[in-house]
Amino acid sequence: MSTNMWIRQIHRWLSMAFTVAIIANVVAMTIQVQAIGIGLLALVPLLPLLATGLYLFALPYLGRRDGARQEA
């Protein structure tokens, strides 16, 4: 399995963890629990999710540039 596939798989699992953290935050706000830890829980998967997402976003552009060099 290539590095790109691993990063893609990690990004998928991080997105699921982020979704669960957001749902927990909404439930806590609904029942009016004042816990800062629940709010910060969403930041834990968000930072690596941002890094993997930016990598996956740039991947087609980086590949296109390498392909253009090979053709020339």
Protein backbone atom coordinates (compact mmCIF):
# COMPACT_ATOMS: atom_id res chain seq x y z
CA MET A 1 0.00 0.00 0.00
CA SER A 2 1.46 3.35 -1.02
CA THR A 3 2.02 6.36 1.19
CA ASN A 4 -0.82 8.25 -0.49
CA MET A 5 -3.26 5.47 0.35
CA TRP A 6 -2.13 5.45 4.00
CA ILE A 7 -2.60 9.20 4.27
CA ARG A 8 -6.00 8.95 2.60
CA GLN A 9 -7.06 6.22 5.06
CA ILE A 10 -5.79 8.22 8.06
CA HIS A 11 -7.70 11.25 6.77
CA ARG A 12 -10.92 9.22 6.60
CA TRP A 13 -10.57 7.93 10.16
CA LEU A 14 -9.67 11.38 11.47
CA SER A 15 -12.78 12.82 9.81
CA MET A 16 -14.92 10.24 11.61
CA ALA A 17 -13.25 11.07 14.94
CA PHE A 18 -13.81 14.78 14.31
CA THR A 19 -17.49 14.16 13.52
CA VAL A 20 -17.95 12.22 16.77
CA ALA A 21 -16.22 15.00 18.72
CA ILE A 22 -18.50 17.64 17.19
CA ILE A 23 -21.59 15.57 17.97
CA ALA A 24 -20.39 15.20 21.59
CA ASN A 25 -19.86 18.96 21.75
CA VAL A 26 -23.37 19.69 20.44
CA VAL A 27 -24.91 17.22 22.91
CA ALA A 28 -22.96 18.79 25.79
CA MET A 29 -24.13 22.26 24.78
CA THR A 30 -27.71 21.01 24.50
CA ILE A 31 -27.73 19.67 28.04
CA GLN A 32 -25.82 22.79 29.15
CA VAL A 33 -22.67 21.12 30.46
CA GLN A 34 -19.90 23.68 30.96
CA ALA A 35 -16.87 21.52 30.23
CA ILE A 36 -14.03 23.10 28.28
CA GLY A 37 -12.50 19.67 27.71
CA ILE A 38 -15.42 18.62 25.54
CA GLY A 39 -14.99 21.71 23.39
CA LEU A 40 -11.27 21.12 23.04
CA LEU A 41 -11.92 17.47 22.18
CA ALA A 42 -12.73 18.52 18.61
CA LEU A 43 -9.33 20.16 18.19
CA VAL A 44 -7.42 16.90 18.74
CA PRO A 45 -8.37 15.30 15.38
CA LEU A 46 -8.75 18.67 13.65
CA LEU A 47 -5.05 19.55 13.47
CA PRO A 48 -3.86 16.32 11.82
CA LEU A 49 -7.02 16.38 9.69
CA LEU A 50 -5.94 19.79 8.40
CA ALA A 51 -2.43 18.53 7.63
CA THR A 52 -3.61 15.43 5.76
CA GLY A 53 -6.29 17.40 3.95
CA LEU A 54 -3.81 19.99 2.72
CA TYR A 55 -1.50 17.20 1.53
CA LEU A 56 -4.33 15.48 -0.34
CA PHE A 57 -5.42 18.80 -1.81
CA ALA A 58 -1.93 19.57 -3.14
CA LEU A 59 -1.29 16.04 -4.41
CA PRO A 60 -2.83 16.45 -7.91
CA TYR A 61 -0.94 19.70 -8.46
CA LEU A 62 2.36 18.19 -7.38
CA GLY A 63 1.80 15.18 -9.62
CA ARG A 64 0.92 17.36 -12.61
CA ARG A 65 4.10 19.38 -12.20
CA ASP A 66 6.24 16.22 -12.13
CA GLY A 67 4.48 14.88 -15.22
CA ALA A 68 5.11 18.11 -17.12
CA ARG A 69 8.83 17.87 -16.35
CA GLN A 70 9.02 14.31 -17.65
CA GLU A 71 7.36 15.22 -20.97
CA ALA A 72 9.76 18.10 -21.69
